[in-house]
């Protein structure tokens, strides 16, 4: 049985950052209409989940130092609605199973919030996300201010975005979170390997996607961490291609960018492989250039370096490859300085990874890129994308798109590649793509 994050430890870390006159107010994610009267599958808001483990809609949490640090407002028990929508923990469940010190029906928020806000002068709350929530809070503050004046207490006068504190805490992963991300990487890797074995000329991109998502579900995933990219041939030169409808053709490459969530912690893996089982010479030259760039970028993911250092390592290696391939001409340093490499490599090399695929936490401090620290998890994903109609490129390279992406944990002993078990050398890919 998989361990869940230690939500009480997360709350303790947040409370430790709060002063006695500070509080955090968070609203859960709303449900989203898909079409007609059908909703998308619900996914909890990541900050609310990180603090409580609560997975249902219509939740509000209030966190403050004191005898009752966690107050939750949740859906009430409702046997009739539970027949339609499923089990609700209710306020009793919030106290018994989710660490709430006090819990109420969410309909009581407007009644209870003014009381909770008394004595709070600094409130961590995200304005301008939901107008109704903003209006309810401001009305509660007005009520709290009147009562606070009579009682000699303060009421909220200073506001902070919760992300300033919570997202810094979420950036450094705990051992349990790292274990969950290793499992997400393992399951996602198994899905990629199944897709490699199944890829054949004549298959459709959506069939490969189905194999990947089936593997996710069979291994107990909470779902895909993001929409799968299954891009055959020239579709791989479109960075966020998600139509996933075309046929896999003889001699083309297939780029797959897919990762699953385990307890909502996601992996993010990209691999590119030959549909027919063997790279052509031009494809191999492009692929090995990207692989070299990735290896050099991963080596730079060490404490004290920055994401810029990781990106710069990838850019240099990729620009050298572009000159070797005839995509660019002249001196490598000049092509880096004039940014002409962006014609074929136009995105960044890394982003944070965790509960969100583009996870939270600032990328800079005091106007500079922040140094990497042990416990951070980032992606390393260089690529080359040569449009099929790019007449400036050698003809044999047009329509080739290659990206290689791994998930890397920063440690004091060097980069720990969580996704190292997924084949990525030319020999490994040609071997597994030849299996049935």
Protein backbone atom coordinates (compact mmCIF):
# COMPACT_ATOMS: atom_id res chain seq x y z
CA UNK A 1 0.00 0.00 0.00
CA UNK A 2 1.38 3.41 -0.97
CA UNK A 3 2.07 5.98 1.73
CA UNK A 4 0.29 9.31 1.52
CA UNK A 5 2.01 12.61 2.21
CA UNK A 6 2.19 13.69 5.85
CA UNK A 7 -0.41 16.42 5.62
CA UNK A 8 -0.10 17.24 9.33
CA UNK A 9 3.63 17.90 8.82
CA UNK A 10 2.78 20.18 5.90
CA UNK A 11 0.36 22.14 8.12
CA UNK A 12 2.95 22.32 10.89
CA UNK A 13 5.48 23.78 8.44
CA UNK A 14 2.97 26.39 7.30
CA UNK A 15 1.93 27.26 10.85
CA UNK A 16 5.57 27.67 11.80
CA UNK A 17 5.84 30.44 9.19
CA UNK A 18 2.77 32.28 10.50
CA UNK A 19 2.82 34.97 13.16
CA UNK A 20 0.26 34.94 15.95
CA UNK A 21 -1.80 37.56 14.10
CA UNK A 22 -1.67 35.79 10.70
CA UNK A 23 -3.99 33.28 9.03
CA UNK A 24 -4.39 31.46 5.72
CA UNK A 25 -7.74 31.26 3.93
CA UNK A 26 -7.99 28.90 0.96
CA UNK A 27 -10.93 27.93 -1.21
CA UNK A 28 -10.96 24.57 -3.00
CA UNK A 29 -11.13 24.24 -6.76
CA UNK A 30 -14.55 24.57 -8.37
CA UNK A 31 -16.10 21.90 -10.54
CA UNK A 32 -15.78 22.61 -14.26
CA UNK A 33 -18.45 22.01 -16.90
CA UNK A 34 -17.23 19.86 -19.79
CA UNK A 35 -20.27 20.23 -22.01
CA UNK A 36 -24.03 20.08 -21.62
CA UNK A 37 -24.63 19.16 -17.99
CA UNK A 38 -21.53 16.94 -17.69
CA UNK A 39 -18.58 17.99 -15.52
CA UNK A 40 -14.92 17.14 -15.91
CA UNK A 41 -13.61 14.63 -13.40
CA UNK A 42 -12.85 16.61 -10.24
CA UNK A 43 -9.25 17.29 -9.29
CA UNK A 44 -8.56 18.98 -5.93
CA UNK A 45 -6.80 22.32 -5.69
CA UNK A 46 -3.15 21.51 -5.01
CA UNK A 47 -2.57 23.82 -2.02
CA UNK A 48 -5.73 22.58 -0.27
CA UNK A 49 -4.72 18.98 -0.92
CA UNK A 50 -1.13 19.60 0.25
CA UNK A 51 -2.40 20.91 3.58
CA UNK A 52 -5.26 18.47 4.23
CA UNK A 53 -5.51 15.58 1.77
CA UNK A 54 -9.13 16.62 1.05
CA UNK A 55 -10.24 15.51 -2.45
CA UNK A 56 -13.84 16.75 -2.72
CA UNK A 57 -15.31 20.02 -4.03
CA UNK A 58 -16.88 22.80 -1.99
CA UNK A 59 -14.21 23.08 0.66
CA UNK A 60 -12.70 26.08 2.44
CA UNK A 61 -9.85 25.88 4.94
CA UNK A 62 -8.73 28.40 7.56
CA UNK A 63 -5.33 27.92 9.20
CA UNK A 64 -4.07 29.87 12.21
CA UNK A 65 -1.97 29.24 15.28
CA UNK A 66 -4.01 28.48 18.39
CA UNK A 67 -6.08 25.78 20.04
CA UNK A 68 -7.92 24.99 16.79
CA UNK A 69 -5.34 25.61 14.04
CA UNK A 70 -7.29 23.96 11.19
CA UNK A 71 -10.90 24.87 10.54
CA UNK A 72 -12.61 23.28 7.53
CA UNK A 73 -15.87 24.12 5.80
CA UNK A 74 -17.06 21.17 3.70
CA UNK A 75 -20.00 19.62 1.95
CA UNK A 76 -22.51 18.29 4.50
CA UNK A 77 -23.65 14.71 4.55
CA UNK A 78 -26.58 14.32 2.18
CA UNK A 79 -27.88 10.79 1.55
CA UNK A 80 -29.89 11.86 -1.50
CA UNK A 81 -26.93 13.57 -3.22
CA UNK A 82 -24.59 10.77 -2.22
CA UNK A 83 -26.74 8.37 -4.24
CA UNK A 84 -25.92 10.47 -7.30
CA UNK A 85 -22.43 11.81 -6.63
CA UNK A 86 -20.84 9.46 -4.11
CA UNK A 87 -19.78 9.41 -0.47
CA UNK A 88 -19.23 12.68 1.38
CA UNK A 89 -17.04 12.73 4.51
CA UNK A 90 -18.95 15.71 5.88
CA UNK A 91 -17.82 17.79 8.88
CA UNK A 92 -17.49 14.71 11.10
CA UNK A 93 -15.23 13.07 8.53
CA UNK A 94 -13.16 16.25 8.23
CA UNK A 95 -12.46 16.07 11.97
CA UNK A 96 -11.98 12.30 12.19
CA UNK A 97 -9.98 11.65 9.03
CA UNK A 98 -8.47 14.92 7.76
CA UNK A 99 -7.06 16.59 10.85
CA UNK A 100 -9.62 19.36 11.20
CA UNK A 101 -9.80 20.80 14.71
CA UNK A 102 -13.17 22.33 13.85
CA UNK A 103 -15.42 21.63 10.87
CA UNK A 104 -18.65 23.08 9.57
CA UNK A 105 -21.10 22.82 6.73
CA UNK A 106 -19.72 25.04 3.93
CA UNK A 107 -23.04 26.92 3.99
CA UNK A 108 -22.04 28.28 7.42
CA UNK A 109 -18.93 30.03 6.10
CA UNK A 110 -20.48 33.51 5.99
CA UNK A 111 -21.62 33.08 9.61
CA UNK A 112 -18.37 31.70 11.05
CA UNK A 113 -15.72 33.54 9.07
CA UNK A 114 -16.15 36.95 10.78
CA UNK A 115 -15.49 35.27 14.13
CA UNK A 116 -12.41 33.48 12.82
CA UNK A 117 -11.00 36.71 11.39
CA UNK A 118 -11.02 38.55 14.72
CA UNK A 119 -7.48 38.96 15.99
CA UNK A 120 -6.05 38.44 12.49
CA UNK A 121 -4.27 41.49 11.09
CA UNK A 122 -2.44 39.74 8.23
CA UNK A 123 -4.38 37.38 5.95
CA UNK A 124 -2.94 35.10 3.29
CA UNK A 125 -5.65 34.97 0.62
CA UNK A 126 -5.61 34.92 -3.17
CA UNK A 127 -7.72 37.80 -4.48
CA UNK A 128 -9.19 38.10 -8.00
CA UNK A 129 -9.69 34.38 -8.56
CA UNK A 130 -13.39 34.29 -7.73
CA UNK A 131 -15.49 37.42 -7.36
CA UNK A 132 -18.03 35.75 -5.08
CA UNK A 133 -15.29 34.59 -2.71
CA UNK A 134 -13.76 38.08 -2.68
CA UNK A 135 -17.15 39.63 -1.87
CA UNK A 136 -17.83 37.13 0.92
CA UNK A 137 -14.42 37.79 2.45
CA UNK A 138 -14.76 41.59 2.34
CA UNK A 139 -18.21 41.40 3.91
CA UNK A 140 -16.79 39.12 6.63
CA UNK A 141 -13.92 41.53 7.26
CA UNK A 142 -16.34 44.43 7.71
CA UNK A 143 -18.35 42.41 10.22
CA UNK A 144 -15.18 41.21 11.95
CA UNK A 145 -13.82 44.76 12.17
CA UNK A 146 -16.90 46.02 13.99
CA UNK A 147 -16.76 43.16 16.50
CA UNK A 148 -12.98 43.40 16.84
CA UNK A 149 -13.14 47.08 17.80
CA UNK A 150 -15.56 46.25 20.62
CA UNK A 151 -13.33 43.39 21.81
CA UNK A 152 -10.03 45.23 21.44
CA UNK A 153 -8.86 42.89 18.69
CA UNK A 154 -7.46 43.46 15.24
CA UNK A 155 -9.03 42.54 11.91
CA UNK A 156 -7.34 41.94 8.52
CA UNK A 157 -5.60 45.04 7.15
CA UNK A 158 -2.64 43.48 5.31
CA UNK A 159 -2.97 40.77 2.67
CA UNK A 160 -0.49 38.35 1.16
CA UNK A 161 -0.81 35.90 -1.70
CA UNK A 162 -0.72 32.42 -0.09
CA UNK A 163 1.72 31.37 -2.80
CA UNK A 164 4.48 33.51 -1.29
CA UNK A 165 4.71 31.09 1.61
CA UNK A 166 3.00 27.84 0.63
CA UNK A 167 4.69 27.49 -2.74
CA UNK A 168 8.13 27.94 -1.23
CA UNK A 169 7.30 25.12 1.20
CA UNK A 170 6.02 22.92 -1.63
CA UNK A 171 9.16 23.48 -3.70
CA UNK A 172 11.40 21.40 -1.39
CA UNK A 173 10.01 17.88 -1.42
CA UNK A 174 9.84 15.68 1.68
CA UNK A 175 11.06 12.06 1.61
CA UNK A 176 7.45 10.83 1.31
CA UNK A 177 6.76 13.18 -1.58
CA UNK A 178 9.94 12.01 -3.31
CA UNK A 179 8.84 8.40 -2.86
CA UNK A 180 5.49 9.19 -4.48
CA UNK A 181 7.24 10.92 -7.37
CA UNK A 182 9.53 7.90 -7.84
CA UNK A 183 6.44 5.73 -8.07
CA UNK A 184 4.81 8.12 -10.54
CA UNK A 185 8.01 7.96 -12.59
CA UNK A 186 8.06 4.16 -12.46
CA UNK A 187 4.44 3.79 -13.56
CA UNK A 188 4.84 6.42 -16.26
CA UNK A 189 7.97 4.65 -17.45
CA UNK A 190 6.12 1.35 -17.74
CA UNK A 191 3.49 3.11 -19.83
CA UNK A 192 6.15 4.55 -22.15
CA UNK A 193 7.75 1.13 -22.57
CA UNK A 194 4.37 -0.44 -23.37
CA UNK A 195 3.82 2.29 -25.98
CA UNK A 196 7.25 1.63 -27.51
CA UNK A 197 6.47 -2.06 -27.90
CA UNK A 198 3.06 -1.34 -29.43
CA UNK A 199 4.12 1.29 -31.97
CA UNK A 200 3.78 0.03 -35.54
CA UNK A 201 3.11 1.64 -38.91
CA UNK A 202 -0.64 1.82 -39.39
CA UNK A 203 -1.48 2.39 -35.72
CA UNK A 204 -3.18 5.62 -34.74
CA UNK A 205 -1.83 8.08 -32.22
CA UNK A 206 -4.96 7.62 -30.11
CA UNK A 207 -4.28 3.88 -29.83
CA UNK A 208 -0.89 4.62 -28.32
CA UNK A 209 -2.51 7.14 -25.99
CA UNK A 210 -5.02 4.48 -24.90
CA UNK A 211 -2.22 2.06 -24.04
CA UNK A 212 -0.46 4.72 -21.97
CA UNK A 213 -3.55 5.78 -20.04
CA UNK A 214 -4.59 2.17 -19.47
CA UNK A 215 -1.20 1.51 -17.89
CA UNK A 216 -1.67 4.52 -15.66
CA UNK A 217 -5.03 3.27 -14.39
CA UNK A 218 -3.94 -0.35 -13.99
CA UNK A 219 -1.22 0.82 -11.63
CA UNK A 220 -3.47 2.84 -9.35
CA UNK A 221 -2.76 6.30 -10.70
CA UNK A 222 -5.04 9.19 -9.81
CA UNK A 223 -4.91 10.06 -13.52
CA UNK A 224 -2.73 11.68 -16.13
CA UNK A 225 -0.81 14.65 -14.80
CA UNK A 226 -1.54 16.54 -18.04
CA UNK A 227 -2.96 15.87 -21.49
CA UNK A 228 -0.86 13.25 -23.27
CA UNK A 229 1.08 14.29 -26.35
CA UNK A 230 1.35 11.49 -28.92
CA UNK A 231 2.89 13.10 -31.99
CA UNK A 232 3.90 11.10 -35.05
CA UNK A 233 6.13 12.45 -37.79
CA UNK A 234 5.96 16.20 -38.32
CA UNK A 235 3.37 16.50 -35.54
CA UNK A 236 6.35 16.25 -33.18
CA UNK A 237 7.48 19.71 -34.30
CA UNK A 238 4.34 21.17 -32.66
CA UNK A 239 5.27 21.61 -28.99
CA UNK A 240 1.81 21.05 -27.47
CA UNK A 241 0.25 18.78 -30.07
CA UNK A 242 -2.70 16.97 -28.43
CA UNK A 243 -5.09 16.04 -31.26
CA UNK A 244 -3.64 12.53 -31.23
CA UNK A 245 -5.61 11.35 -34.29
CA UNK A 246 -3.09 10.70 -37.06
CA UNK A 247 -1.69 7.44 -38.38
CA UNK A 248 1.83 6.29 -37.52
CA UNK A 249 3.74 6.07 -40.79
CA UNK A 250 6.62 3.85 -41.86
CA UNK A 251 9.97 5.53 -41.30
CA UNK A 252 8.70 8.33 -39.03
CA UNK A 253 9.52 9.09 -35.41
CA UNK A 254 6.96 9.12 -32.61
CA UNK A 255 7.25 11.66 -29.79
CA UNK A 256 5.32 10.85 -26.61
CA UNK A 257 5.09 13.26 -23.68
CA UNK A 258 3.08 11.62 -20.90
CA UNK A 259 3.16 11.27 -17.14
CA UNK A 260 0.77 10.00 -14.50
CA UNK A 261 -0.10 11.16 -11.00
CA UNK A 262 0.30 9.04 -7.89
CA UNK A 263 -1.61 10.63 -5.00
CA UNK A 264 -1.71 13.68 -7.33
CA UNK A 265 2.10 13.93 -7.59
CA UNK A 266 2.99 13.78 -11.26
CA UNK A 267 5.78 12.53 -13.45
CA UNK A 268 6.63 14.25 -16.75
CA UNK A 269 8.45 12.14 -19.33
CA UNK A 270 9.12 12.58 -23.02
CA UNK A 271 10.67 9.99 -25.28
CA UNK A 272 11.06 9.91 -29.07
CA UNK A 273 11.50 6.63 -30.93
CA UNK A 274 11.39 5.14 -34.44
CA UNK A 275 8.00 3.78 -35.42
CA UNK A 276 9.57 1.16 -37.69
CA UNK A 277 12.09 0.14 -35.03
CA UNK A 278 15.24 1.67 -36.52
CA UNK A 279 16.41 5.28 -36.75
CA UNK A 280 17.35 6.56 -40.19
CA UNK A 281 20.75 8.21 -40.39
CA UNK A 282 19.35 11.80 -40.31
CA UNK A 283 16.98 10.91 -37.46
CA UNK A 284 19.82 9.34 -35.51
CA UNK A 285 22.04 12.39 -35.92
CA UNK A 286 19.31 14.67 -34.62
CA UNK A 287 18.41 12.30 -31.80
CA UNK A 288 21.97 11.81 -30.58
CA UNK A 289 22.52 15.57 -30.61
CA UNK A 290 19.50 16.07 -28.35
CA UNK A 291 20.61 13.21 -26.08
CA UNK A 292 24.07 14.75 -25.68
CA UNK A 293 22.45 18.06 -24.78
CA UNK A 294 20.24 16.40 -22.22
CA UNK A 295 23.10 14.53 -20.60
CA UNK A 296 25.10 17.74 -20.25
CA UNK A 297 22.10 19.62 -18.89
CA UNK A 298 21.34 16.92 -16.31
CA UNK A 299 24.96 17.02 -15.16
CA UNK A 300 24.48 20.73 -14.40
CA UNK A 301 21.50 20.07 -12.07
CA UNK A 302 23.53 20.28 -8.85
CA UNK A 303 23.22 22.39 -5.70
CA UNK A 304 24.50 25.92 -6.20
CA UNK A 305 23.86 25.93 -9.95
CA UNK A 306 20.72 27.52 -11.33
CA UNK A 307 18.09 26.61 -13.91
CA UNK A 308 19.90 29.04 -16.18
CA UNK A 309 23.01 26.90 -15.88
CA UNK A 310 20.98 23.82 -16.83
CA UNK A 311 19.44 25.67 -19.79
CA UNK A 312 22.76 27.13 -20.93
CA UNK A 313 24.33 23.66 -21.00
CA UNK A 314 21.50 22.41 -23.19
CA UNK A 315 21.61 25.45 -25.50
CA UNK A 316 25.35 25.14 -26.09
CA UNK A 317 25.17 21.45 -26.93
CA UNK A 318 22.10 21.91 -29.13
CA UNK A 319 23.65 24.86 -30.98
CA UNK A 320 26.78 22.79 -31.64
CA UNK A 321 24.49 20.08 -33.02
CA UNK A 322 22.62 22.58 -35.21
CA UNK A 323 25.89 23.73 -36.77
CA UNK A 324 26.99 20.11 -37.30
CA UNK A 325 23.67 19.30 -38.98
CA UNK A 326 23.76 22.34 -41.25
CA UNK A 327 20.75 23.97 -39.60
CA UNK A 328 22.89 26.95 -38.61
CA UNK A 329 26.15 28.33 -39.97
CA UNK A 330 29.12 30.03 -38.34
CA UNK A 331 30.55 30.22 -34.86
CA UNK A 332 28.64 28.49 -32.07
CA UNK A 333 29.13 31.36 -29.60
CA UNK A 334 27.83 33.85 -32.17
CA UNK A 335 24.74 31.72 -32.85
CA UNK A 336 24.10 31.53 -29.10
CA UNK A 337 24.56 35.27 -28.64
CA UNK A 338 22.27 36.23 -31.52
CA UNK A 339 19.74 33.57 -30.39
CA UNK A 340 19.37 32.15 -33.87
CA UNK A 341 19.24 28.71 -32.20
CA UNK A 342 15.66 29.57 -31.15
CA UNK A 343 14.50 28.75 -34.68
CA UNK A 344 14.87 25.08 -33.74
CA UNK A 345 14.90 25.19 -29.92
CA UNK A 346 12.42 27.78 -28.73
CA UNK A 347 11.49 26.72 -25.19
CA UNK A 348 13.14 26.49 -21.79
CA UNK A 349 14.91 23.37 -20.61
CA UNK A 350 13.37 22.94 -17.15
CA UNK A 351 10.46 23.59 -14.85
CA UNK A 352 9.64 22.52 -11.30
CA UNK A 353 7.67 19.31 -10.83
CA UNK A 354 5.42 18.08 -8.04
CA UNK A 355 1.68 18.27 -7.38
CA UNK A 356 1.42 20.33 -10.57
CA UNK A 357 3.22 19.44 -13.77
CA UNK A 358 4.51 23.01 -13.92
CA UNK A 359 4.92 23.06 -10.20
CA UNK A 360 5.00 26.04 -7.89
CA UNK A 361 7.88 27.92 -6.33
CA UNK A 362 9.65 31.00 -7.58
CA UNK A 363 12.38 30.72 -10.21
CA UNK A 364 14.27 33.75 -8.96
CA UNK A 365 15.27 35.75 -5.91
CA UNK A 366 16.33 39.37 -5.73
CA UNK A 367 16.26 39.66 -9.51
CA UNK A 368 18.47 36.62 -10.07
CA UNK A 369 17.81 32.97 -10.85
CA UNK A 370 17.76 31.08 -7.57
CA UNK A 371 20.36 28.41 -6.83
CA UNK A 372 19.25 24.79 -6.85
CA UNK A 373 18.89 23.08 -3.48
CA UNK A 374 18.58 19.42 -2.41
CA UNK A 375 14.93 18.35 -2.47
CA UNK A 376 13.97 20.32 -5.57
CA UNK A 377 12.62 18.28 -8.50
CA UNK A 378 12.87 19.64 -12.03
CA UNK A 379 12.47 18.42 -15.58
CA UNK A 380 15.31 18.46 -18.09
CA UNK A 381 13.83 18.46 -21.60
CA UNK A 382 15.88 19.73 -24.53
CA UNK A 383 14.63 19.23 -28.07
CA UNK A 384 15.06 20.04 -31.73
CA UNK A 385 12.05 20.85 -33.92
CA UNK A 386 12.54 21.19 -37.67
CA UNK A 387 9.32 22.16 -39.45
CA UNK A 388 8.45 20.14 -42.52
CA UNK A 389 8.16 23.32 -44.62
CA UNK A 390 11.44 24.86 -43.39
CA UNK A 391 13.24 25.46 -46.68
CA UNK A 392 16.32 26.73 -44.83
CA UNK A 393 16.90 23.29 -43.32
CA UNK A 394 18.53 20.38 -45.15
CA UNK A 395 15.78 18.42 -46.90
CA UNK A 396 16.50 15.17 -45.08
CA UNK A 397 15.92 16.86 -41.69
CA UNK A 398 12.59 18.54 -42.43
CA UNK A 399 9.68 17.27 -40.37
CA UNK A 400 11.86 15.77 -37.62
CA UNK A 401 10.96 16.62 -34.03
CA UNK A 402 12.86 15.15 -31.07
CA UNK A 403 12.47 15.86 -27.37
CA UNK A 404 13.92 13.86 -24.46
CA UNK A 405 12.66 14.65 -20.97
CA UNK A 406 13.54 13.24 -17.57
CA UNK A 407 12.61 14.14 -13.99
CA UNK A 408 15.60 15.03 -11.83
CA UNK A 409 15.88 15.27 -8.05
CA UNK A 410 18.59 17.63 -6.83
CA UNK A 411 20.71 16.00 -4.13
CA UNK A 412 23.94 16.81 -2.32
CA UNK A 413 25.52 13.85 -4.14
CA UNK A 414 24.52 14.98 -7.63
CA UNK A 415 21.50 14.61 -9.93
CA UNK A 416 19.17 11.70 -9.15
CA UNK A 417 17.23 10.90 -12.34
CA UNK A 418 13.88 9.57 -11.13
CA UNK A 419 13.00 8.41 -14.67
CA UNK A 420 16.30 6.65 -15.38
CA UNK A 421 14.50 3.35 -15.99
CA UNK A 422 12.91 4.55 -19.24
CA UNK A 423 14.97 3.62 -22.35
CA UNK A 424 16.54 6.55 -24.18
CA UNK A 425 19.76 5.52 -25.91
CA UNK A 426 19.50 4.65 -29.59
CA UNK A 427 20.40 1.03 -28.87
CA UNK A 428 17.84 0.72 -26.05
CA UNK A 429 15.07 2.26 -28.12
CA UNK A 430 15.75 0.15 -31.22
CA UNK A 431 15.79 -2.97 -29.07
CA UNK A 432 12.50 -2.34 -27.27
CA UNK A 433 10.74 -1.09 -30.41
CA UNK A 434 11.57 -4.41 -32.09
CA UNK A 435 9.78 -6.38 -29.34
CA UNK A 436 6.18 -7.49 -29.75
